[in-house]
C-alpha atoms as a PDB file:
ATOM      1  CA  MET A   1     106.393 107.420  73.355  1.00  0.00           C
ATOM      2  CA  ASN A   2     107.198 103.770  73.726  1.00  0.00           C
ATOM      3  CA  PRO A   3     107.162 103.149  77.538  1.00  0.00           C
ATOM      4  CA  GLY A   4     109.553 100.248  77.079  1.00  0.00           C
ATOM      5  CA  SER A   5     112.234 102.224  75.264  1.00  0.00           C
ATOM      6  CA  PRO A   6     115.640 102.767  76.901  1.00  0.00           C
ATOM      7  CA  GLY A   7     116.016 105.948  78.821  1.00  0.00           C
ATOM      8  CA  THR A   8     112.419 106.022  79.999  1.00  0.00           C
ATOM      9  CA  VAL A   9     111.623 106.995  83.585  1.00  0.00           C
ATOM     10  CA  ARG A  10     108.474 106.926  85.648  1.00  0.00           C
ATOM     11  CA  VAL A  11     107.905 109.102  88.718  1.00  0.00           C
ATOM     12  CA  ARG A  12     105.153 108.576  91.293  1.00  0.00           C
ATOM     13  CA  VAL A  13     104.588 111.557  93.599  1.00  0.00           C
ATOM     14  CA  PRO A  14     102.142 111.767  96.519  1.00  0.00           C
ATOM     15  CA  ALA A  15      99.650 114.459  97.378  1.00  0.00           C
ATOM     16  CA  SER A  16     100.387 116.433 100.501  1.00  0.00           C
ATOM     17  CA  SER A  17      98.645 118.492 103.138  1.00  0.00           C
ATOM     18  CA  ALA A  18     100.585 121.487 104.427  1.00  0.00           C
ATOM     19  CA  ASN A  19     100.451 123.491 107.664  1.00  0.00           C
ATOM     20  CA  LEU A  20      98.410 120.902 109.630  1.00  0.00           C
ATOM     21  CA  GLY A  21      97.046 123.791 111.665  1.00  0.00           C
ATOM     22  CA  PRO A  22      99.877 125.545 113.508  1.00  0.00           C
ATOM     23  CA  GLY A  23     102.823 124.583 111.267  1.00  0.00           C
ATOM     24  CA  TYR A  24     102.351 127.359 108.729  1.00  0.00           C
ATOM     25  CA  ASP A  25     104.720 127.006 105.746  1.00  0.00           C
ATOM     26  CA  SER A  26     106.746 124.379 107.615  1.00  0.00           C
ATOM     27  CA  PHE A  27     104.769 121.168 108.290  1.00  0.00           C
ATOM     28  CA  GLY A  28     103.686 118.742 105.595  1.00  0.00           C
ATOM     29  CA  LEU A  29     102.085 115.302 105.458  1.00  0.00           C
ATOM     30  CA  ALA A  30     102.288 113.017 102.414  1.00  0.00           C
ATOM     31  CA  LEU A  31      99.040 111.253 101.530  1.00  0.00           C
ATOM     32  CA  GLY A  32      98.164 108.170  99.502  1.00  0.00           C
ATOM     33  CA  ARG A  33      96.908 109.943  96.388  1.00  0.00           C
ATOM     34  CA  HIS A  34      99.407 110.145  93.539  1.00  0.00           C
ATOM     35  CA  ASP A  35     100.293 111.715  90.228  1.00  0.00           C
ATOM     36  CA  VAL A  36     102.321 109.473  87.927  1.00  0.00           C
ATOM     37  CA  VAL A  37     104.485 110.843  85.101  1.00  0.00           C
ATOM     38  CA  THR A  38     106.305 108.736  82.509  1.00  0.00           C
ATOM     39  CA  ALA A  39     109.012 110.571  80.570  1.00  0.00           C
ATOM     40  CA  GLY A  40     111.608 110.065  77.887  1.00  0.00           C
ATOM     41  CA  ARG A  41     113.544 112.116  75.393  1.00  0.00           C
ATOM     42  CA  SER A  42     111.508 113.105  72.335  1.00  0.00           C
ATOM     43  CA  GLN A  43     112.843 113.146  68.793  1.00  0.00           C
ATOM     44  CA  ASP A  44     110.207 115.531  67.456  1.00  0.00           C
ATOM     45  CA  GLY A  45     109.719 118.293  70.033  1.00  0.00           C
ATOM     46  CA  ILE A  46     107.889 118.339  73.326  1.00  0.00           C
ATOM     47  CA  ARG A  47     104.904 116.007  73.533  1.00  0.00           C
ATOM     48  CA  ILE A  48     102.594 115.859  76.544  1.00  0.00           C
ATOM     49  CA  GLU A  49      99.657 113.564  77.187  1.00  0.00           C
ATOM     50  CA  VAL A  50      97.467 114.143  80.239  1.00  0.00           C
ATOM     51  CA  SER A  51      94.689 111.995  81.693  1.00  0.00           C
ATOM     52  CA  GLY A  52      92.755 112.328  84.922  1.00  0.00           C
ATOM     53  CA  VAL A  53      92.720 115.632  86.791  1.00  0.00           C
ATOM     54  CA  GLY A  54      93.406 118.619  84.550  1.00  0.00           C
ATOM     55  CA  ALA A  55      93.153 116.647  81.329  1.00  0.00           C
ATOM     56  CA  ASP A  56      91.130 119.467  79.746  1.00  0.00           C
ATOM     57  CA  SER A  57      93.167 122.356  81.118  1.00  0.00           C
ATOM     58  CA  VAL A  58      96.819 121.423  81.674  1.00  0.00           C
ATOM     59  CA  ALA A  59      99.278 122.995  79.228  1.00  0.00           C
ATOM     60  CA  ARG A  60     100.748 120.709  76.567  1.00  0.00           C
ATOM     61  CA  THR A  61     103.652 123.068  75.863  1.00  0.00           C
ATOM     62  CA  SER A  62     106.907 124.013  77.562  1.00  0.00           C
ATOM     63  CA  ASP A  63     104.740 126.061  79.955  1.00  0.00           C
ATOM     64  CA  ASN A  64     103.581 122.811  81.556  1.00  0.00           C
ATOM     65  CA  LEU A  65     104.764 122.863  85.184  1.00  0.00           C
ATOM     66  CA  VAL A  66     106.308 119.387  84.998  1.00  0.00           C
ATOM     67  CA  ALA A  67     108.226 120.399  81.871  1.00  0.00           C
ATOM     68  CA  ARG A  68     109.341 123.704  83.421  1.00  0.00           C
ATOM     69  CA  ALA A  69     110.573 121.954  86.545  1.00  0.00           C
ATOM     70  CA  ALA A  70     112.409 119.369  84.441  1.00  0.00           C
ATOM     71  CA  ALA A  71     114.112 122.189  82.520  1.00  0.00           C
ATOM     72  CA  ALA A  72     115.172 123.757  85.832  1.00  0.00           C
ATOM     73  CA  GLY A  73     116.529 120.408  86.940  1.00  0.00           C
ATOM     74  CA  PHE A  74     118.593 119.939  83.792  1.00  0.00           C
ATOM     75  CA  ALA A  75     119.919 123.500  84.194  1.00  0.00           C
ATOM     76  CA  ALA A  76     120.945 122.759  87.786  1.00  0.00           C
ATOM     77  CA  LEU A  77     122.819 119.715  86.488  1.00  0.00           C
ATOM     78  CA  GLY A  78     124.557 121.766  83.802  1.00  0.00           C
ATOM     79  CA  GLU A  79     122.773 119.815  81.076  1.00  0.00           C
ATOM     80  CA  PRO A  80     120.822 121.214  78.118  1.00  0.00           C
ATOM     81  CA  ALA A  81     117.142 120.442  78.544  1.00  0.00           C
ATOM     82  CA  PRO A  82     116.069 117.979  75.841  1.00  0.00           C
ATOM     83  CA  PRO A  83     112.590 117.912  74.310  1.00  0.00           C
ATOM     84  CA  LEU A  84     110.550 115.523  76.419  1.00  0.00           C
ATOM     85  CA  ALA A  85     107.697 113.140  75.815  1.00  0.00           C
ATOM     86  CA  LEU A  86     105.573 113.173  78.978  1.00  0.00           C
ATOM     87  CA  THR A  87     102.585 111.031  79.887  1.00  0.00           C
ATOM     88  CA  CYS A  88     100.868 112.385  83.011  1.00  0.00           C
ATOM     89  CA  ILE A  89      98.224 110.461  84.931  1.00  0.00           C
ATOM     90  CA  ASN A  90      96.912 112.935  87.494  1.00  0.00           C
ATOM     91  CA  ALA A  91      94.888 112.166  90.612  1.00  0.00           C
ATOM     92  CA  ILE A  92      95.714 115.187  92.789  1.00  0.00           C
ATOM     93  CA  PRO A  93      93.094 117.964  92.542  1.00  0.00           C
ATOM     94  CA  HIS A  94      94.324 121.302  91.270  1.00  0.00           C
ATOM     95  CA  GLY A  95      93.748 124.244  93.595  1.00  0.00           C
ATOM     96  CA  GLY A  96      92.504 121.923  96.321  1.00  0.00           C
ATOM     97  CA  GLY A  97      95.154 122.416  98.977  1.00  0.00           C
ATOM     98  CA  GLN A  98      96.584 118.956  98.278  1.00  0.00           C
ATOM     99  CA  GLY A  99      99.970 119.914  96.853  1.00  0.00           C
ATOM    100  CA  SER A 100      99.321 119.489  93.128  1.00  0.00           C
ATOM    101  CA  SER A 101     101.895 122.092  92.101  1.00  0.00           C
ATOM    102  CA  ALA A 102     104.456 120.644  94.517  1.00  0.00           C
ATOM    103  CA  ALA A 103     103.888 117.178  93.050  1.00  0.00           C
ATOM    104  CA  ALA A 104     104.371 118.507  89.512  1.00  0.00           C
ATOM    105  CA  ILE A 105     107.574 120.317  90.491  1.00  0.00           C
ATOM    106  CA  VAL A 106     109.033 117.308  92.282  1.00  0.00           C
ATOM    107  CA  ALA A 107     108.061 115.072  89.345  1.00  0.00           C
ATOM    108  CA  GLY A 108     109.823 117.350  86.858  1.00  0.00           C
ATOM    109  CA  LEU A 109     113.000 117.560  88.924  1.00  0.00           C
ATOM    110  CA  MET A 110     113.010 113.784  89.453  1.00  0.00           C
ATOM    111  CA  ILE A 111     112.658 113.325  85.686  1.00  0.00           C
ATOM    112  CA  ALA A 112     115.749 115.478  85.116  1.00  0.00           C
ATOM    113  CA  ARG A 113     117.601 113.449  87.761  1.00  0.00           C
ATOM    114  CA  GLY A 114     116.546 110.226  86.081  1.00  0.00           C
ATOM    115  CA  LEU A 115     117.325 111.171  82.481  1.00  0.00           C
ATOM    116  CA  ALA A 116     120.528 113.162  82.913  1.00  0.00           C
ATOM    117  CA  PRO A 117     123.858 111.299  83.023  1.00  0.00           C
ATOM    118  CA  ASP A 118     124.958 111.078  86.656  1.00  0.00           C
ATOM    119  CA  GLY A 119     121.785 112.951  87.622  1.00  0.00           C
ATOM    120  CA  ALA A 120     121.404 111.469  91.100  1.00  0.00           C
ATOM    121  CA  PRO A 121     124.792 112.607  92.464  1.00  0.00           C
ATOM    122  CA  GLY A 122     124.387 116.036  90.891  1.00  0.00           C
ATOM    123  CA  LEU A 123     120.855 116.557  92.173  1.00  0.00           C
ATOM    124  CA  ASP A 124     120.593 114.715  95.470  1.00  0.00           C
ATOM    125  CA  ASP A 125     117.573 115.023  97.739  1.00  0.00           C
ATOM    126  CA  ALA A 126     118.932 118.077  99.551  1.00  0.00           C
ATOM    127  CA  GLU A 127     119.629 119.952  96.311  1.00  0.00           C
ATOM    128  CA  LEU A 128     116.365 118.820  94.753  1.00  0.00           C
ATOM    129  CA  LEU A 129     114.383 120.011  97.772  1.00  0.00           C
ATOM    130  CA  ALA A 130     116.098 123.401  97.813  1.00  0.00           C
ATOM    131  CA  LEU A 131     115.421 123.904  94.097  1.00  0.00           C
ATOM    132  CA  ALA A 132     111.818 122.674  94.372  1.00  0.00           C
ATOM    133  CA  ALA A 133     111.156 125.115  97.226  1.00  0.00           C
ATOM    134  CA  ARG A 134     112.561 128.012  95.180  1.00  0.00           C
ATOM    135  CA  ILE A 135     110.238 127.156  92.315  1.00  0.00           C
ATOM    136  CA  GLU A 136     107.214 126.629  94.585  1.00  0.00           C
ATOM    137  CA  GLY A 137     107.953 129.594  96.845  1.00  0.00           C
ATOM    138  CA  HIS A 138     107.784 127.653 100.128  1.00  0.00           C
ATOM    139  CA  PRO A 139     109.036 124.232 101.223  1.00  0.00           C
ATOM    140  CA  ASP A 140     106.190 122.538 103.115  1.00  0.00           C
ATOM    141  CA  ASN A 141     104.422 120.665 100.304  1.00  0.00           C
ATOM    142  CA  VAL A 142     107.531 119.880  98.258  1.00  0.00           C
ATOM    143  CA  ALA A 143     109.245 118.419 101.330  1.00  0.00           C
ATOM    144  CA  ALA A 144     106.365 116.021 101.978  1.00  0.00           C
ATOM    145  CA  ALA A 145     106.034 115.149  98.279  1.00  0.00           C
ATOM    146  CA  LEU A 146     109.738 114.335  98.020  1.00  0.00           C
ATOM    147  CA  LEU A 147     110.421 112.650 101.358  1.00  0.00           C
ATOM    148  CA  GLY A 148     107.036 111.192 102.341  1.00  0.00           C
ATOM    149  CA  GLY A 149     105.600 110.916 105.844  1.00  0.00           C
ATOM    150  CA  PHE A 150     105.493 113.948 108.148  1.00  0.00           C
ATOM    151  CA  THR A 151     108.058 116.607 107.283  1.00  0.00           C
ATOM    152  CA  LEU A 152     109.374 119.694 109.031  1.00  0.00           C
ATOM    153  CA  SER A 153     110.956 122.257 106.742  1.00  0.00           C
ATOM    154  CA  TRP A 154     112.566 125.644 107.165  1.00  0.00           C
ATOM    155  CA  THR A 155     114.452 128.238 105.137  1.00  0.00           C
ATOM    156  CA  ALA A 156     117.692 129.940 106.147  1.00  0.00           C
ATOM    157  CA  ALA A 157     119.884 132.214 104.010  1.00  0.00           C
ATOM    158  CA  GLY A 158     117.532 131.596 101.085  1.00  0.00           C
ATOM    159  CA  ARG A 159     117.898 127.809 101.155  1.00  0.00           C
ATOM    160  CA  SER A 160     115.196 125.391 102.269  1.00  0.00           C
ATOM    161  CA  THR A 161     115.917 122.228 104.223  1.00  0.00           C
ATOM    162  CA  ALA A 162     113.652 119.528 105.663  1.00  0.00           C
ATOM    163  CA  ILE A 163     113.685 116.494 107.886  1.00  0.00           C
ATOM    164  CA  ARG A 164     111.316 113.556 107.886  1.00  0.00           C
ATOM    165  CA  HIS A 165     109.672 112.564 111.165  1.00  0.00           C
ATOM    166  CA  ARG A 166     107.922 109.318 112.041  1.00  0.00           C
ATOM    167  CA  VAL A 167     104.126 109.122 112.036  1.00  0.00           C
ATOM    168  CA  HIS A 168     102.485 107.122 114.810  1.00  0.00           C
ATOM    169  CA  PRO A 169     100.931 103.985 113.258  1.00  0.00           C
ATOM    170  CA  ASP A 170      97.541 104.624 114.878  1.00  0.00           C
ATOM    171  CA  ILE A 171      97.001 107.932 113.054  1.00  0.00           C
ATOM    172  CA  ARG A 172      94.457 107.933 110.237  1.00  0.00           C
ATOM    173  CA  ALA A 173      93.977 110.732 107.704  1.00  0.00           C
ATOM    174  CA  VAL A 174      90.576 111.648 106.272  1.00  0.00           C
ATOM    175  CA  LEU A 175      90.605 114.177 103.464  1.00  0.00           C
ATOM    176  CA  PHE A 176      87.473 116.149 102.597  1.00  0.00           C
ATOM    177  CA  THR A 177      88.159 117.151  99.005  1.00  0.00           C
ATOM    178  CA  ALA A 178      86.304 120.306  98.028  1.00  0.00           C
ATOM    179  CA  GLY A 179      84.492 120.451  94.728  1.00  0.00           C
ATOM    180  CA  GLN A 180      85.711 123.989  94.066  1.00  0.00           C
ATOM    181  CA  ALA A 181      89.295 125.145  93.678  1.00  0.00           C
ATOM    182  CA  ALA A 182      90.927 127.972  95.603  1.00  0.00           C
ATOM    183  CA  SER A 183      93.884 130.212  94.863  1.00  0.00           C
ATOM    184  CA  THR A 184      96.905 129.938  97.145  1.00  0.00           C
ATOM    185  CA  ALA A 185      97.950 133.451  96.147  1.00  0.00           C
ATOM    186  CA  HIS A 186      94.528 134.802  97.124  1.00  0.00           C
ATOM    187  CA  ALA A 187      94.652 132.920 100.443  1.00  0.00           C
ATOM    188  CA  ARG A 188      98.063 134.400 101.212  1.00  0.00           C
ATOM    189  CA  GLY A 189      96.751 137.829 100.358  1.00  0.00           C
ATOM    190  CA  LEU A 190      94.201 137.559 103.163  1.00  0.00           C
ATOM    191  CA  LEU A 191      96.895 137.259 105.816  1.00  0.00           C
ATOM    192  CA  PRO A 192      97.743 140.366 107.868  1.00  0.00           C
ATOM    193  CA  PRO A 193     101.327 141.676 107.885  1.00  0.00           C
ATOM    194  CA  THR A 194     101.544 141.194 111.668  1.00  0.00           C
ATOM    195  CA  VAL A 195      99.812 139.038 114.283  1.00  0.00           C
ATOM    196  CA  PRO A 196      99.462 139.493 118.046  1.00  0.00           C
ATOM    197  CA  HIS A 197     102.379 138.181 120.059  1.00  0.00           C
ATOM    198  CA  VAL A 198     100.039 136.010 122.130  1.00  0.00           C
ATOM    199  CA  ASP A 199      98.825 134.240 118.963  1.00  0.00           C
ATOM    200  CA  ALA A 200     102.366 133.667 117.706  1.00  0.00           C
ATOM    201  CA  ALA A 201     103.338 132.219 121.073  1.00  0.00           C
ATOM    202  CA  ALA A 202     100.302 129.950 121.108  1.00  0.00           C
ATOM    203  CA  ASN A 203     101.141 128.633 117.657  1.00  0.00           C
ATOM    204  CA  ALA A 204     104.754 127.979 118.608  1.00  0.00           C
ATOM    205  CA  ALA A 205     103.563 125.847 121.522  1.00  0.00           C
ATOM    206  CA  ARG A 206     100.997 123.997 119.402  1.00  0.00           C
ATOM    207  CA  ALA A 207     103.552 123.310 116.667  1.00  0.00           C
ATOM    208  CA  GLY A 208     105.912 121.720 119.161  1.00  0.00           C
ATOM    209  CA  LEU A 209     103.065 119.681 120.601  1.00  0.00           C
ATOM    210  CA  LEU A 210     102.026 118.529 117.127  1.00  0.00           C
ATOM    211  CA  VAL A 211     105.449 117.011 116.488  1.00  0.00           C
ATOM    212  CA  HIS A 212     105.015 115.028 119.712  1.00  0.00           C
ATOM    213  CA  ALA A 213     101.408 114.086 118.920  1.00  0.00           C
ATOM    214  CA  ILE A 214     102.103 112.861 115.394  1.00  0.00           C
ATOM    215  CA  GLY A 215     105.187 110.895 116.280  1.00  0.00           C
ATOM    216  CA  THR A 216     104.602 109.680 119.821  1.00  0.00           C
ATOM    217  CA  ASP A 217     101.204 110.315 121.412  1.00  0.00           C
ATOM    218  CA  PRO A 218      98.175 110.948 119.167  1.00  0.00           C
ATOM    219  CA  ARG A 219      96.016 111.742 122.215  1.00  0.00           C
ATOM    220  CA  TYR A 220      97.268 115.302 121.849  1.00  0.00           C
ATOM    221  CA  LEU A 221      96.258 115.722 118.183  1.00  0.00           C
ATOM    222  CA  PHE A 222      93.198 117.831 118.940  1.00  0.00           C
ATOM    223  CA  ALA A 223      95.012 120.393 121.080  1.00  0.00           C
ATOM    224  CA  ALA A 224      98.059 120.285 118.820  1.00  0.00           C
ATOM    225  CA  THR A 225      96.139 121.217 115.658  1.00  0.00           C
ATOM    226  CA  GLU A 226      94.712 124.448 117.068  1.00  0.00           C
ATOM    227  CA  ASP A 227      95.783 127.390 114.919  1.00  0.00           C
ATOM    228  CA  ARG A 228      95.725 131.126 115.581  1.00  0.00           C
ATOM    229  CA  LEU A 229      98.134 132.239 112.893  1.00  0.00           C
ATOM    230  CA  HIS A 230      96.431 131.866 109.516  1.00  0.00           C
ATOM    231  CA  GLN A 231      93.139 129.938 109.313  1.00  0.00           C
ATOM    232  CA  GLN A 232      90.946 132.586 110.937  1.00  0.00           C
ATOM    233  CA  TYR A 233      92.217 135.216 108.509  1.00  0.00           C
ATOM    234  CA  ARG A 234      91.499 133.024 105.489  1.00  0.00           C
ATOM    235  CA  ALA A 235      87.975 132.102 106.593  1.00  0.00           C
ATOM    236  CA  SER A 236      86.257 134.548 104.241  1.00  0.00           C
ATOM    237  CA  GLY A 237      87.906 132.840 101.268  1.00  0.00           C
ATOM    238  CA  VAL A 238      86.809 129.310 102.227  1.00  0.00           C
ATOM    239  CA  PRO A 239      83.676 129.723 104.374  1.00  0.00           C
ATOM    240  CA  ALA A 240      82.255 126.232 103.734  1.00  0.00           C
ATOM    241  CA  SER A 241      85.608 124.676 104.604  1.00  0.00           C
ATOM    242  CA  MET A 242      85.916 126.652 107.837  1.00  0.00           C
ATOM    243  CA  SER A 243      82.352 125.673 108.728  1.00  0.00           C
ATOM    244  CA  LEU A 244      83.247 121.994 108.255  1.00  0.00           C
ATOM    245  CA  VAL A 245      86.418 122.413 110.339  1.00  0.00           C
ATOM    246  CA  GLY A 246      84.273 123.971 113.072  1.00  0.00           C
ATOM    247  CA  GLU A 247      81.767 121.100 112.993  1.00  0.00           C
ATOM    248  CA  LEU A 248      84.486 118.468 113.158  1.00  0.00           C
ATOM    249  CA  ARG A 249      86.323 120.184 115.993  1.00  0.00           C
ATOM    250  CA  ALA A 250      83.064 120.655 117.910  1.00  0.00           C
ATOM    251  CA  ALA A 251      82.775 116.858 117.744  1.00  0.00           C
ATOM    252  CA  GLY A 252      86.304 116.458 119.113  1.00  0.00           C
ATOM    253  CA  VAL A 253      87.971 115.667 115.780  1.00  0.00           C
ATOM    254  CA  ALA A 254      91.380 117.221 115.018  1.00  0.00           C
ATOM    255  CA  ALA A 255      90.495 118.999 111.784  1.00  0.00           C
ATOM    256  CA  VAL A 256      92.318 121.706 109.843  1.00  0.00           C
ATOM    257  CA  ILE A 257      92.261 123.443 106.491  1.00  0.00           C
ATOM    258  CA  SER A 258      94.490 121.447 104.152  1.00  0.00           C
ATOM    259  CA  GLY A 259      97.157 123.872 102.974  1.00  0.00           C
ATOM    260  CA  ALA A 260      95.487 126.997 101.639  1.00  0.00           C
ATOM    261  CA  GLY A 261      92.230 125.070 101.208  1.00  0.00           C
ATOM    262  CA  PRO A 262      89.531 124.548 100.355  1.00  0.00           C
ATOM    263  CA  SER A 263      90.002 120.868 101.242  1.00  0.00           C
ATOM    264  CA  VAL A 264      89.843 119.853 104.899  1.00  0.00           C
ATOM    265  CA  LEU A 265      92.051 117.308 106.667  1.00  0.00           C
ATOM    266  CA  ALA A 266      91.025 115.347 109.759  1.00  0.00           C
ATOM    267  CA  LEU A 267      93.553 113.362 111.799  1.00  0.00           C
ATOM    268  CA  THR A 268      92.113 110.634 114.000  1.00  0.00           C
ATOM    269  CA  THR A 269      92.942 107.359 115.676  1.00  0.00           C
ATOM    270  CA  GLU A 270      89.429 105.962 115.203  1.00  0.00           C
ATOM    271  CA  PRO A 271      87.562 105.593 111.913  1.00  0.00           C
ATOM    272  CA  LEU A 272      85.230 108.437 110.988  1.00  0.00           C
ATOM    273  CA  ASP A 273      81.750 107.588 109.746  1.00  0.00           C
ATOM    274  CA  LEU A 274      82.145 109.088 106.290  1.00  0.00           C
ATOM    275  CA  GLY A 275      78.420 108.799 105.666  1.00  0.00           C
ATOM    276  CA  GLU A 276      77.654 110.789 108.784  1.00  0.00           C
ATOM    277  CA  TRP A 277      80.179 113.430 107.783  1.00  0.00           C
ATOM    278  CA  GLY A 278      79.016 113.709 104.194  1.00  0.00           C
ATOM    279  CA  ARG A 279      78.613 117.374 103.261  1.00  0.00           C
ATOM    280  CA  ASP A 280      77.530 119.044 100.040  1.00  0.00           C
ATOM    281  CA  GLY A 281      80.556 120.227  98.122  1.00  0.00           C
ATOM    282  CA  PHE A 282      83.002 117.744  99.704  1.00  0.00           C
ATOM    283  CA  VAL A 283      84.032 114.159  99.034  1.00  0.00           C
ATOM    284  CA  ALA A 284      85.398 112.428 102.139  1.00  0.00           C
ATOM    285  CA  THR A 285      88.088 109.760 101.694  1.00  0.00           C
ATOM    286  CA  GLU A 286      90.316 108.014 104.189  1.00  0.00           C
ATOM    287  CA  LEU A 287      93.806 107.970 102.713  1.00  0.00           C
ATOM    288  CA  ALA A 288      96.906 106.122 103.781  1.00  0.00           C
ATOM    289  CA  ILE A 289      99.828 108.231 104.894  1.00  0.00           C
ATOM    290  CA  ASP A 290     102.431 107.863 102.176  1.00  0.00           C
ATOM    291  CA  THR A 291     105.763 106.909 103.735  1.00  0.00           C
ATOM    292  CA  ALA A 292     107.766 106.479 100.513  1.00  0.00           C
ATOM    293  CA  GLY A 293     107.604 109.961  99.008  1.00  0.00           C
ATOM    294  CA  ALA A 294     108.536 110.442  95.348  1.00  0.00           C
ATOM    295  CA  VAL A 295     109.603 107.206  93.683  1.00  0.00           C
ATOM    296  CA  LEU A 296     111.646 107.063  90.465  1.00  0.00           C
ATOM    297  CA  GLU A 297     111.853 103.988  88.218  1.00  0.00           C
ATOM    298  CA  ARG A 298     114.147 103.654  85.188  1.00  0.00           C
ATOM    299  CA  TRP A 299     114.241 101.199  82.320  1.00  0.00           C
END
C-alpha cells in the first residue's frame, strides 16, 4: 500500500482501562498508549501488515478483528465491504486488560467511516459506539477508546450510549502491565450470578463518588475505587495482580484491576516511585490520560 495514495486513512486509538473499581461494565478511562492503523482499498485482495504487539499471532485474513469491524461498519453504512490493505502498528497488549479488542473494533469502524462515501454522517459517534459495543459485548472500553477521557456508559433496550466526563488535571495514571495475558471470558466466568444487596449498595455509592473524585476532588480517589462487586471473585484468576492491588492500597494508593486484568491501574495525584514499586511480572509506566479518543486522518 502506498500511504500517500488517495483514499488512504489513518486511525489512532488509545488503550483503555475499564471498571476503575466499582464501575463494572460502565466506567472507562482512555490512556496514552495507542494502536495505529493505516488503511486503503486493495486491488488484489485483503492485505494486512502487523508490527509491534501481536506481530507473530494476529490474523492476516478477513478474520482479523480490525477487518471484521470494518466489514461491520461498511454493512451498517449500506456499502459493500471492499478488500482492504491494512498496516497495523500495535502498542496495546493483548489480553492485558487494556482494551486491545476495543481499540481494534473502534479502528475498524473508523476505517469504514473514513473510506465510505458520506461515512461520517451515516456512522456518527453515537451509531459507531452502539455498533462497537454490540461487537465487543459491553460498552466500557469502546466508549473510552472512541471518546477519550473518562467515560460513563450504559445499555438500554439493547443499545449502548456513553457520555464523556472531565478528568481533574491533577490525576496521574500508572499502569502496571502484566507479562502474562488473561482471558476476559474466563474472568467473567468467575463471577457469581448474584451478589449480596449490601455489596451492590456499596458499589453504587462508590461509583457515584468516583465520578466526583475523578472530575472534581481527587482526594476521594482511594475511597471511590473500593470494589465489592467483581474483583474479589476474580482473584483466583489473577492472584499476582490482586496481591499488587492489595500492596498499593495498603500504602494508601487508589489501585484497581485494569478491566478483567491482569494489569493493574493506580490513580494518584503524586508521582509514584516506579523503582520502589517494581514487581516481578509487571512493567510500571506512568501514562498520560488520553483526552482525544480515536482520531481519523484522511489524505
